[in-house]
Amino acid sequence: MAKIPNITVYAGKLLRELRELSKISQKQFSARYDLSKSALNHYENNRTAISFQLLLKIAREYDMDKNIIYDKIKHQELYFKKKIKLSFT
């Protein structure tokens, strides 16, 4: 498996959509991923960037193909804290 770079990404809309699809509260969702409710709230409102590793972990648990994540990045629905170059192959 390829090593995932230690980067952060703003993914609030996606996180909120996944949580709401599950019909669970921020408290339940944050407990599932060992986050504080406050941290999740900051992630969902794009006040804080989430680690790309954690984002991919959450996406995998929701059976979301990583290509969907990359496609959202490509279309600027998700964006990185620092400007980086990704290869979409």
N, C-alpha and C. Protein backbone atom coordinates (compact mmCIF):
# COMPACT_ATOMS: atom_id res chain seq x y z
N MET A 1 0.83 -1.17 0.00
CA MET A 1 0.00 0.00 0.00
C MET A 1 0.88 1.24 0.00
N ALA A 2 0.51 2.22 -0.79
CA ALA A 2 1.29 3.45 -0.89
C ALA A 2 1.19 4.26 0.40
N LYS A 3 2.30 4.91 0.73
CA LYS A 3 2.31 5.75 1.92
C LYS A 3 1.53 7.03 1.64
N ILE A 4 0.66 7.38 2.58
CA ILE A 4 -0.15 8.58 2.44
C ILE A 4 0.64 9.75 3.02
N PRO A 5 0.78 10.83 2.26
CA PRO A 5 1.56 11.96 2.77
C PRO A 5 0.91 12.57 4.01
N ASN A 6 1.73 13.16 4.87
CA ASN A 6 1.25 13.80 6.09
C ASN A 6 0.79 15.22 5.74
N ILE A 7 -0.43 15.30 5.21
CA ILE A 7 -0.98 16.58 4.79
C ILE A 7 -2.37 16.74 5.40
N THR A 8 -2.87 17.95 5.36
CA THR A 8 -4.21 18.20 5.87
C THR A 8 -5.08 18.76 4.76
N VAL A 9 -6.38 18.54 4.91
CA VAL A 9 -7.32 18.94 3.87
C VAL A 9 -8.59 19.48 4.52
N TYR A 10 -9.17 20.50 3.90
CA TYR A 10 -10.46 21.02 4.34
C TYR A 10 -11.55 20.20 3.65
N ALA A 11 -12.33 19.47 4.43
CA ALA A 11 -13.32 18.54 3.88
C ALA A 11 -14.65 18.61 4.62
N GLY A 12 -14.99 19.79 5.10
CA GLY A 12 -16.17 19.94 5.94
C GLY A 12 -17.45 19.44 5.33
N LYS A 13 -17.71 19.80 4.09
CA LYS A 13 -18.96 19.41 3.44
C LYS A 13 -19.06 17.89 3.34
N LEU A 14 -17.98 17.24 2.95
CA LEU A 14 -17.99 15.78 2.83
C LEU A 14 -18.21 15.12 4.18
N LEU A 15 -17.51 15.58 5.21
CA LEU A 15 -17.68 14.99 6.53
C LEU A 15 -19.12 15.13 7.02
N ARG A 16 -19.67 16.31 6.84
CA ARG A 16 -21.06 16.54 7.27
C ARG A 16 -22.01 15.64 6.49
N GLU A 17 -21.80 15.51 5.17
CA GLU A 17 -22.67 14.66 4.36
C GLU A 17 -22.61 13.20 4.83
N LEU A 18 -21.41 12.71 5.10
CA LEU A 18 -21.28 11.32 5.57
C LEU A 18 -21.98 11.14 6.92
N ARG A 19 -21.78 12.08 7.80
CA ARG A 19 -22.41 11.98 9.13
C ARG A 19 -23.93 12.04 9.01
N GLU A 20 -24.43 12.95 8.22
CA GLU A 20 -25.88 13.08 8.07
C GLU A 20 -26.51 11.89 7.36
N LEU A 21 -25.78 11.31 6.40
CA LEU A 21 -26.28 10.09 5.75
C LEU A 21 -26.42 8.95 6.75
N SER A 22 -25.53 8.94 7.73
CA SER A 22 -25.58 7.91 8.78
C SER A 22 -26.64 8.20 9.82
N LYS A 23 -27.18 9.42 9.77
CA LYS A 23 -28.19 9.86 10.74
C LYS A 23 -27.68 9.75 12.17
N ILE A 24 -26.44 10.21 12.35
CA ILE A 24 -25.87 10.22 13.69
C ILE A 24 -25.46 11.65 14.06
N SER A 25 -25.39 11.89 15.34
CA SER A 25 -25.03 13.22 15.84
C SER A 25 -23.53 13.45 15.73
N GLN A 26 -23.13 14.70 15.90
CA GLN A 26 -21.70 15.01 15.93
C GLN A 26 -21.04 14.26 17.08
N LYS A 27 -21.73 14.16 18.19
CA LYS A 27 -21.18 13.46 19.35
C LYS A 27 -20.90 11.99 19.02
N GLN A 28 -21.84 11.32 18.36
CA GLN A 28 -21.66 9.91 17.99
C GLN A 28 -20.55 9.74 16.96
N PHE A 29 -20.55 10.61 15.96
CA PHE A 29 -19.54 10.53 14.90
C PHE A 29 -18.15 10.79 15.47
N SER A 30 -18.04 11.81 16.30
CA SER A 30 -16.72 12.14 16.87
C SER A 30 -16.23 11.02 17.78
N ALA A 31 -17.12 10.39 18.52
CA ALA A 31 -16.71 9.28 19.39
C ALA A 31 -16.20 8.10 18.56
N ARG A 32 -16.82 7.87 17.41
CA ARG A 32 -16.42 6.77 16.53
C ARG A 32 -14.98 6.92 16.06
N TYR A 33 -14.54 8.17 15.87
CA TYR A 33 -13.20 8.43 15.34
C TYR A 33 -12.27 9.06 16.37
N ASP A 34 -12.64 8.95 17.63
CA ASP A 34 -11.82 9.44 18.74
C ASP A 34 -11.46 10.92 18.58
N LEU A 35 -12.48 11.71 18.26
CA LEU A 35 -12.34 13.15 18.12
C LEU A 35 -13.20 13.83 19.17
N SER A 36 -12.88 15.04 19.51
CA SER A 36 -13.79 15.80 20.36
C SER A 36 -14.92 16.33 19.47
N LYS A 37 -16.06 16.57 20.07
CA LYS A 37 -17.18 17.13 19.31
C LYS A 37 -16.80 18.50 18.74
N SER A 38 -16.03 19.25 19.52
CA SER A 38 -15.57 20.56 19.08
C SER A 38 -14.67 20.44 17.84
N ALA A 39 -13.76 19.47 17.83
CA ALA A 39 -12.88 19.26 16.68
C ALA A 39 -13.70 18.93 15.43
N LEU A 40 -14.68 18.04 15.58
CA LEU A 40 -15.52 17.68 14.44
C LEU A 40 -16.28 18.90 13.93
N ASN A 41 -16.79 19.70 14.84
CA ASN A 41 -17.50 20.91 14.44
C ASN A 41 -16.57 21.82 13.64
N HIS A 42 -15.34 21.95 14.07
CA HIS A 42 -14.36 22.78 13.34
C HIS A 42 -14.06 22.18 11.97
N TYR A 43 -13.95 20.85 11.89
CA TYR A 43 -13.72 20.20 10.60
C TYR A 43 -14.90 20.45 9.66
N GLU A 44 -16.12 20.23 10.17
CA GLU A 44 -17.31 20.37 9.33
C GLU A 44 -17.52 21.79 8.83
N ASN A 45 -17.05 22.76 9.59
CA ASN A 45 -17.21 24.16 9.20
C ASN A 45 -15.95 24.74 8.56
N ASN A 46 -15.02 23.87 8.20
CA ASN A 46 -13.78 24.25 7.53
C ASN A 46 -12.98 25.32 8.28
N ARG A 47 -13.08 25.29 9.59
CA ARG A 47 -12.24 26.16 10.41
C ARG A 47 -10.89 25.50 10.68
N THR A 48 -10.87 24.18 10.60
CA THR A 48 -9.66 23.40 10.82
C THR A 48 -9.58 22.34 9.73
N ALA A 49 -8.39 22.08 9.26
CA ALA A 49 -8.19 21.04 8.24
C ALA A 49 -7.99 19.69 8.95
N ILE A 50 -8.52 18.65 8.34
CA ILE A 50 -8.41 17.29 8.87
C ILE A 50 -7.22 16.60 8.20
N SER A 51 -6.60 15.67 8.90
CA SER A 51 -5.49 14.95 8.27
C SER A 51 -6.04 14.11 7.11
N PHE A 52 -5.29 14.07 6.04
CA PHE A 52 -5.71 13.31 4.87
C PHE A 52 -5.84 11.83 5.23
N GLN A 53 -4.97 11.37 6.12
CA GLN A 53 -5.03 9.97 6.56
C GLN A 53 -6.35 9.67 7.24
N LEU A 54 -6.79 10.55 8.14
CA LEU A 54 -8.05 10.33 8.83
C LEU A 54 -9.22 10.43 7.85
N LEU A 55 -9.16 11.36 6.94
CA LEU A 55 -10.21 11.48 5.93
C LEU A 55 -10.35 10.19 5.13
N LEU A 56 -9.23 9.62 4.70
CA LEU A 56 -9.29 8.37 3.94
C LEU A 56 -9.80 7.22 4.80
N LYS A 57 -9.43 7.20 6.07
CA LYS A 57 -9.93 6.16 6.99
C LYS A 57 -11.46 6.24 7.09
N ILE A 58 -11.97 7.44 7.28
CA ILE A 58 -13.41 7.63 7.38
C ILE A 58 -14.09 7.23 6.07
N ALA A 59 -13.53 7.66 4.96
CA ALA A 59 -14.09 7.33 3.64
C ALA A 59 -14.14 5.82 3.42
N ARG A 60 -13.07 5.12 3.82
CA ARG A 60 -13.05 3.66 3.68
C ARG A 60 -14.16 3.01 4.49
N GLU A 61 -14.38 3.50 5.69
CA GLU A 61 -15.42 2.93 6.55
C GLU A 61 -16.82 3.17 5.98
N TYR A 62 -16.94 4.16 5.13
CA TYR A 62 -18.22 4.42 4.47
C TYR A 62 -18.23 3.82 3.06
N ASP A 63 -17.27 2.96 2.77
CA ASP A 63 -17.15 2.31 1.46
C ASP A 63 -17.06 3.30 0.31
N MET A 64 -16.43 4.44 0.58
CA MET A 64 -16.25 5.45 -0.45
C MET A 64 -14.92 5.18 -1.15
N ASP A 65 -14.95 5.04 -2.43
CA ASP A 65 -13.75 4.80 -3.22
C ASP A 65 -12.83 6.01 -3.12
N LYS A 66 -11.55 5.77 -2.96
CA LYS A 66 -10.60 6.89 -2.84
C LYS A 66 -10.60 7.77 -4.09
N ASN A 67 -11.00 7.22 -5.22
CA ASN A 67 -11.07 8.03 -6.44
C ASN A 67 -12.12 9.13 -6.34
N ILE A 68 -13.16 8.89 -5.53
CA ILE A 68 -14.16 9.93 -5.31
C ILE A 68 -13.52 11.09 -4.56
N ILE A 69 -12.68 10.75 -3.57
CA ILE A 69 -11.97 11.78 -2.81
C ILE A 69 -11.08 12.59 -3.75
N TYR A 70 -10.29 11.88 -4.57
CA TYR A 70 -9.39 12.57 -5.50
C TYR A 70 -10.17 13.42 -6.50
N ASP A 71 -11.33 12.93 -6.94
CA ASP A 71 -12.16 13.69 -7.87
C ASP A 71 -12.67 14.97 -7.20
N LYS A 72 -13.05 14.88 -5.93
CA LYS A 72 -13.52 16.07 -5.20
C LYS A 72 -12.38 17.08 -5.05
N ILE A 73 -11.17 16.59 -4.85
CA ILE A 73 -10.01 17.49 -4.76
C ILE A 73 -9.79 18.16 -6.11
N LYS A 74 -9.85 17.37 -7.14
CA LYS A 74 -9.63 17.87 -8.49
C LYS A 74 -10.63 18.98 -8.83
N HIS A 75 -11.86 18.83 -8.39
CA HIS A 75 -12.91 19.81 -8.68
C HIS A 75 -13.06 20.84 -7.57
N GLN A 76 -12.07 20.90 -6.70
CA GLN A 76 -11.96 21.89 -5.63
C GLN A 76 -13.14 21.87 -4.66
N GLU A 77 -13.74 20.69 -4.46
CA GLU A 77 -14.74 20.54 -3.42
C GLU A 77 -14.04 20.27 -2.08
N LEU A 78 -12.82 19.79 -2.17
CA LEU A 78 -11.94 19.62 -1.01
C LEU A 78 -10.67 20.38 -1.37
N TYR A 79 -10.04 20.97 -0.39
CA TYR A 79 -8.81 21.68 -0.72
C TYR A 79 -7.81 21.55 0.42
N PHE A 80 -6.56 21.62 0.06
CA PHE A 80 -5.46 21.43 1.00
C PHE A 80 -5.09 22.72 1.68
N LYS A 81 -4.59 22.58 2.91
CA LYS A 81 -4.16 23.73 3.68
C LYS A 81 -2.98 24.43 2.99
N LYS A 82 -2.04 23.64 2.50
CA LYS A 82 -0.90 24.17 1.76
C LYS A 82 -1.00 23.71 0.32
N LYS A 83 -0.51 24.52 -0.56
CA LYS A 83 -0.55 24.16 -1.97
C LYS A 83 0.41 22.99 -2.22
N ILE A 84 -0.14 21.92 -2.78
CA ILE A 84 0.67 20.75 -3.11
C ILE A 84 0.29 20.27 -4.50
N LYS A 85 1.11 19.43 -5.03
CA LYS A 85 0.84 18.87 -6.35
C LYS A 85 0.52 17.40 -6.18
N LEU A 86 -0.62 16.98 -6.69
CA LEU A 86 -1.02 15.58 -6.65
C LEU A 86 -1.08 15.06 -8.08
N SER A 87 -0.78 13.81 -8.23
CA SER A 87 -0.90 13.16 -9.54
C SER A 87 -2.15 12.30 -9.53
N PHE A 88 -3.02 12.51 -10.48
CA PHE A 88 -4.26 11.75 -10.57
C PHE A 88 -4.13 10.71 -11.68
N THR A 89 -3.49 9.60 -11.33
CA THR A 89 -3.30 8.54 -12.33
C THR A 89 -4.10 7.34 -11.99
